Amino acid sequence: MDCCLCDQSLHLFRPRNSICISCYEAAKDILEITSRLDLQEEMETDDSSTEVAQSDQLKMSFPKKFNHSGQGQGLGGAVKQIKQLEQMMCTAANKISYLGAIGEAFTQGYHADLELITDDNVSLRVHKVIMATRSSVFRAMLEKDIYKDDKVSRIHVADIGAMELRHLVEFMYTGQLTMDALQDHIAGLMLAADKYDMPLLIEICEAYLIDTMSTRSALDVLEVATRLSSATTLEEVAMSTIVHNSETILFSKEYEEFAVKNPLLAVKISQSVMKQLTLRATLKSPRNQ
């Protein structure tokens, strides 16, 4: 079918400016997306009294409200909303770029007033104000009188490797993590984020571990999840993965090593597997058929 939108060979529109099914479906998708954005904005407006100050400050750079021109005006209104979104994304990108310059204060060591020292005697020079702002634990430590002078202070950071600490500090300055940091140091980063009360970093690590969950990683993920100060969705997902793949995981060499190191967790896994098997047997019982 000739299409006045995607057919490059047409120079004269046909009487009804006909479009192909692909363009038609794309137009419907655009309308659906902008409709969802309208609904989301209405919900956010209702909950505006509970928003944190930082969120309000960020929103001031954007239009106070979407221009709801998409409602009842078809594709033309939807396109206007898409242009608004493009402007908002550009503004957000500029803010991120501007704030990213703070990371140079760490990489270049500008006027650093605090030194973090790991167990293996590796030190990082940082800034008290950044540490106190990003972590309530560091803030409480720095409230002590010995850290309130103008001299460079030192804090021993236990139970975290040098690379994990570097990535942790970089996240405090920039709010970003490289993919290499997630792949190679995810366990250490999540435990450190939990120890120093950094909920955003915990959320990022948890999302990554859930997205990459497999039969190979489930045992390690469960071990990390149970070391956190509070129960998380991560523990439930890891346990569910193990239970639903018990025939593969429980008879592996990795599980033998895991059970030796984590006997209580091994018992918990066995109990969960037995519950699952019992449930399956009950559902297959003639009484339930």
Protein backbone atom coordinates (compact mmCIF):
# COMPACT_ATOMS: atom_id res chain seq x y z
CA MET A 1 0.00 0.00 0.00
CA ASP A 2 1.29 3.50 -0.90
CA CYS A 3 2.09 5.60 2.18
CA CYS A 4 2.42 9.36 2.16
CA LEU A 5 4.72 9.18 5.21
CA CYS A 6 7.30 6.48 4.58
CA ASP A 7 7.19 5.96 0.80
CA GLN A 8 10.06 8.05 -0.57
CA SER A 9 8.92 7.58 -4.16
CA LEU A 10 5.68 9.53 -3.72
CA HIS A 11 5.90 13.20 -4.62
CA LEU A 12 2.18 13.84 -4.93
CA PHE A 13 -0.16 12.95 -2.10
CA ARG A 14 -3.16 10.88 -2.95
CA PRO A 15 -6.62 12.33 -2.23
CA ARG A 16 -6.87 10.87 1.27
CA ASN A 17 -3.16 10.97 2.12
CA SER A 18 -3.28 7.25 2.87
CA ILE A 19 -0.76 5.70 5.27
CA CYS A 20 0.48 2.15 5.67
CA ILE A 21 -0.34 -0.11 8.60
CA SER A 22 3.15 0.36 10.09
CA CYS A 23 2.78 4.15 10.26
CA TYR A 24 -0.78 3.79 11.54
CA GLU A 25 0.33 1.52 14.41
CA ALA A 26 3.22 3.88 15.21
CA ALA A 27 0.79 6.82 15.41
CA LYS A 28 -1.44 4.85 17.79
CA ASP A 29 1.58 4.04 19.97
CA ILE A 30 2.54 7.72 20.15
CA LEU A 31 -0.97 8.67 21.23
CA GLU A 32 -0.97 5.94 23.86
CA ILE A 33 2.39 7.06 25.27
CA THR A 34 1.38 10.71 25.54
CA SER A 35 -1.90 9.66 27.12
CA ARG A 36 0.03 7.75 29.80
CA LEU A 37 2.23 10.81 30.39
CA ASP A 38 -0.88 12.92 30.95
CA LEU A 39 -2.19 10.41 33.48
CA GLN A 40 1.18 10.17 35.24
CA GLU A 41 1.41 13.94 35.54
CA GLU A 42 -2.08 14.13 37.04
CA MET A 43 -1.10 11.52 39.64
CA GLU A 44 2.12 13.38 40.46
CA THR A 45 0.16 16.61 40.87
CA ASP A 46 -2.13 14.90 43.40
CA ASP A 47 0.90 13.68 45.36
CA SER A 48 2.83 16.96 45.09
CA SER A 49 2.50 17.67 48.81
CA THR A 50 4.68 14.66 49.59
CA GLU A 51 7.45 15.41 47.11
CA VAL A 52 10.89 16.16 48.47
CA ALA A 53 12.42 19.59 48.04
CA GLN A 54 15.05 18.35 45.61
CA SER A 55 12.40 16.99 43.23
CA ASP A 56 10.52 20.29 43.36
CA GLN A 57 13.70 22.18 42.58
CA LEU A 58 14.44 20.03 39.54
CA LYS A 59 10.90 20.45 38.23
CA MET A 60 11.16 24.25 38.29
CA SER A 61 13.38 24.12 35.22
CA PHE A 62 10.68 22.28 33.30
CA PRO A 63 7.22 23.50 32.28
CA LYS A 64 5.07 23.59 35.42
CA LYS A 65 2.52 21.44 33.65
CA PHE A 66 2.49 19.59 30.41
CA ASN A 67 0.44 21.40 27.81
CA HIS A 68 -2.37 18.88 27.52
CA SER A 69 -2.79 19.68 23.85
CA GLY A 70 -2.59 15.97 23.10
CA GLN A 71 -6.00 15.38 24.61
CA GLY A 72 -8.65 15.42 21.92
CA GLN A 73 -6.34 16.81 19.24
CA GLY A 74 -4.99 13.58 17.82
CA LEU A 75 -1.47 13.15 16.53
CA GLY A 76 -0.80 16.88 16.25
CA GLY A 77 -1.22 17.35 19.99
CA ALA A 78 0.88 14.27 20.68
CA VAL A 79 3.74 15.67 18.61
CA LYS A 80 3.64 18.88 20.68
CA GLN A 81 4.03 16.83 23.84
CA ILE A 82 6.94 14.91 22.34
CA LYS A 83 8.66 18.23 21.60
CA GLN A 84 8.09 19.27 25.20
CA LEU A 85 9.65 16.01 26.36
CA GLU A 86 12.63 16.61 24.10
CA GLN A 87 13.13 20.04 25.67
CA MET A 88 12.87 18.55 29.16
CA MET A 89 15.41 15.85 28.33
CA CYS A 90 17.81 18.45 26.97
CA THR A 91 17.46 20.51 30.16
CA ALA A 92 18.03 17.43 32.30
CA ALA A 93 21.11 16.47 30.27
CA ASN A 94 22.56 19.95 30.75
CA LYS A 95 21.97 19.71 34.50
CA ILE A 96 23.65 16.33 34.68
CA SER A 97 26.61 17.65 32.72
CA TYR A 98 26.87 20.69 35.00
CA LEU A 99 26.67 18.64 38.19
CA GLY A 100 29.12 16.11 36.75
CA ALA A 101 31.85 18.72 37.03
CA ILE A 102 31.75 18.15 40.79
CA GLY A 103 33.42 14.82 40.09
CA GLU A 104 36.56 16.73 39.11
CA ALA A 105 36.89 17.85 42.71
CA PHE A 106 37.50 14.20 43.58
CA THR A 107 39.62 13.14 40.60
CA GLN A 108 41.81 16.26 40.86
CA GLY A 109 41.77 16.43 44.67
CA TYR A 110 40.83 20.12 44.80
CA HIS A 111 41.03 21.33 48.42
CA ALA A 112 40.34 17.85 49.85
CA ASP A 113 39.97 17.88 53.63
CA LEU A 114 39.41 14.21 54.45
CA GLU A 115 41.42 11.05 53.82
CA LEU A 116 39.77 7.62 53.68
CA ILE A 117 42.12 4.71 54.40
CA THR A 118 41.28 1.06 53.62
CA ASP A 119 42.44 -2.11 55.38
CA ASP A 120 45.18 -2.57 52.77
CA ASN A 121 46.44 0.98 53.46
CA VAL A 122 45.14 2.57 50.25
CA SER A 123 44.00 6.15 50.78
CA LEU A 124 41.59 8.43 48.93
CA ARG A 125 41.42 12.19 49.44
CA VAL A 126 37.83 13.43 49.53
CA HIS A 127 35.70 16.28 50.86
CA LYS A 128 33.83 16.21 54.15
CA VAL A 129 30.84 18.08 52.77
CA ILE A 130 30.28 15.49 50.01
CA MET A 131 30.65 12.55 52.39
CA ALA A 132 28.28 14.10 54.93
CA THR A 133 25.73 14.99 52.27
CA ARG A 134 25.62 11.57 50.63
CA SER A 135 25.81 9.32 53.69
CA SER A 136 24.12 9.72 57.07
CA VAL A 137 26.77 7.40 58.55
CA PHE A 138 29.63 9.62 57.41
CA ARG A 139 27.68 12.66 58.55
CA ALA A 140 27.38 11.25 62.07
CA MET A 141 31.09 10.41 62.13
CA LEU A 142 32.10 13.87 60.94
CA GLU A 143 29.97 15.53 63.62
CA LYS A 144 32.55 14.43 66.19
CA ASP A 145 34.80 17.19 67.48
CA ILE A 146 38.01 15.57 66.20
CA TYR A 147 36.84 16.09 62.60
CA LYS A 148 35.65 19.69 62.94
CA ASP A 149 39.02 21.45 62.64
CA ASP A 150 40.50 22.78 59.40
CA LYS A 151 43.18 20.12 59.17
CA VAL A 152 42.95 17.11 56.87
CA SER A 153 41.24 14.37 58.88
CA ARG A 154 41.62 10.61 58.46
CA ILE A 155 38.99 7.88 58.70
CA HIS A 156 39.72 4.17 58.53
CA VAL A 157 37.19 2.46 56.25
CA ALA A 158 37.01 -1.23 57.17
CA ASP A 159 35.61 -4.20 55.25
CA ILE A 160 35.80 -2.62 51.80
CA GLY A 161 38.45 -3.02 49.12
CA ALA A 162 40.29 -0.17 47.46
CA MET A 163 38.44 -0.44 44.13
CA GLU A 164 35.04 -0.75 45.80
CA LEU A 165 35.79 2.35 47.87
CA ARG A 166 36.87 4.30 44.78
CA HIS A 167 33.68 3.39 42.92
CA LEU A 168 31.63 4.20 46.03
CA VAL A 169 33.20 7.64 46.33
CA GLU A 170 32.84 8.32 42.61
CA PHE A 171 29.14 7.55 42.92
CA MET A 172 28.87 10.00 45.83
CA TYR A 173 30.31 12.75 43.64
CA THR A 174 28.65 11.99 40.31
CA GLY A 175 25.65 9.74 41.00
CA GLN A 176 26.90 7.38 38.30
CA LEU A 177 28.48 3.93 38.07
CA THR A 178 30.30 2.42 35.12
CA MET A 179 29.19 -0.95 33.79
CA ASP A 180 32.62 -2.35 34.72
CA ALA A 181 32.06 -1.28 38.32
CA LEU A 182 28.70 -3.06 38.40
CA GLN A 183 30.01 -6.22 36.77
CA ASP A 184 33.21 -6.56 38.80
CA HIS A 185 32.39 -5.04 42.20
CA ILE A 186 28.61 -5.30 42.59
CA ALA A 187 28.65 -7.33 45.83
CA GLY A 188 31.14 -5.09 47.61
CA LEU A 189 29.36 -1.95 46.43
CA MET A 190 25.97 -3.12 47.65
CA LEU A 191 27.27 -4.12 51.07
CA ALA A 192 29.14 -0.82 51.38
CA ALA A 193 26.03 1.13 50.32
CA ASP A 194 24.06 -0.69 53.00
CA LYS A 195 26.73 -0.04 55.64
CA TYR A 196 26.96 3.69 54.87
CA ASP A 197 23.21 4.20 54.32
CA MET A 198 23.09 5.04 50.62
CA PRO A 199 19.60 3.90 49.51
CA LEU A 200 19.92 5.08 45.91
CA LEU A 201 23.05 3.00 45.35
CA ILE A 202 21.37 0.00 47.00
CA GLU A 203 18.44 0.41 44.61
CA ILE A 204 20.75 0.55 41.57
CA CYS A 205 22.71 -2.51 42.67
CA GLU A 206 19.55 -4.45 43.46
CA ALA A 207 18.03 -3.67 40.06
CA TYR A 208 21.21 -4.79 38.29
CA LEU A 209 21.43 -8.06 40.24
CA ILE A 210 17.77 -8.86 39.59
CA ASP A 211 18.07 -8.07 35.88
CA THR A 212 21.13 -10.30 35.54
CA MET A 213 19.89 -13.11 37.83
CA SER A 214 20.68 -16.62 36.59
CA THR A 215 21.19 -20.13 37.95
CA ARG A 216 24.92 -19.36 38.07
CA SER A 217 24.60 -16.19 40.12
CA ALA A 218 21.59 -16.96 42.35
CA LEU A 219 23.59 -18.48 45.23
CA ASP A 220 26.05 -15.59 45.37
CA VAL A 221 23.24 -13.07 45.17
CA LEU A 222 21.34 -14.78 47.99
CA GLU A 223 24.47 -14.71 50.15
CA VAL A 224 24.87 -10.97 49.57
CA ALA A 225 21.16 -10.24 50.10
CA THR A 226 21.08 -11.96 53.50
CA ARG A 227 24.00 -9.82 54.70
CA LEU A 228 22.06 -6.60 54.21
CA SER A 229 20.64 -4.83 57.25
CA SER A 230 17.05 -5.28 56.08
CA ALA A 231 15.20 -7.78 53.93
CA THR A 232 14.92 -6.87 50.26
CA THR A 233 13.18 -8.02 47.12
CA LEU A 234 16.58 -9.27 46.04
CA GLU A 235 16.53 -12.08 48.61
CA GLU A 236 13.08 -13.20 47.48
CA VAL A 237 14.06 -13.23 43.80
CA ALA A 238 17.29 -15.13 44.48
CA MET A 239 15.51 -17.73 46.62
CA SER A 240 12.77 -18.13 44.02
CA THR A 241 15.37 -18.67 41.29
CA ILE A 242 17.11 -21.35 43.35
CA VAL A 243 13.86 -23.14 44.26
CA HIS A 244 12.56 -23.20 40.69
CA ASN A 245 15.91 -24.50 39.43
CA SER A 246 16.65 -26.77 42.40
CA GLU A 247 17.40 -29.87 40.33
CA THR A 248 20.23 -28.01 38.60
CA ILE A 249 21.56 -25.94 41.49
CA LEU A 250 21.31 -28.30 44.48
CA PHE A 251 23.36 -31.02 42.79
CA SER A 252 26.14 -28.73 41.63
CA LYS A 253 29.64 -28.40 43.05
CA GLU A 254 28.96 -24.70 43.66
CA TYR A 255 26.11 -25.58 45.99
CA GLU A 256 28.30 -27.97 47.98
CA GLU A 257 30.80 -25.16 48.58
CA PHE A 258 27.98 -22.73 49.34
CA ALA A 259 26.42 -25.10 51.91
CA VAL A 260 29.74 -25.49 53.74
CA LYS A 261 30.10 -21.70 54.08
CA ASN A 262 26.42 -20.99 54.72
CA PRO A 263 24.84 -23.94 56.57
CA LEU A 264 21.83 -21.97 57.83
CA LEU A 265 21.08 -20.66 54.36
CA ALA A 266 21.41 -24.19 52.98
CA VAL A 267 18.78 -25.34 55.49
CA LYS A 268 16.51 -22.46 54.50
CA ILE A 269 16.89 -23.40 50.83
CA SER A 270 16.07 -27.04 51.59
CA GLN A 271 12.95 -26.01 53.48
CA SER A 272 11.80 -23.77 50.61
CA VAL A 273 12.39 -26.55 48.08
CA MET A 274 10.42 -29.03 50.20
CA LYS A 275 7.51 -26.60 50.48
CA GLN A 276 7.53 -26.19 46.71
CA LEU A 277 7.58 -29.96 46.13
CA THR A 278 4.78 -30.48 48.65
CA LEU A 279 2.69 -27.82 46.95
CA ARG A 280 3.21 -29.43 43.55
CA ALA A 281 2.27 -32.85 44.91
CA THR A 282 -0.87 -31.42 46.49
CA LEU A 283 -1.94 -29.76 43.24
CA LYS A 284 -1.42 -33.03 41.35
CA SER A 285 -3.41 -35.03 43.89
CA PRO A 286 -6.57 -36.71 42.46
CA ARG A 287 -8.62 -34.84 45.05
CA ASN A 288 -7.73 -31.56 43.33
CA GLN A 289 -8.46 -32.78 39.82
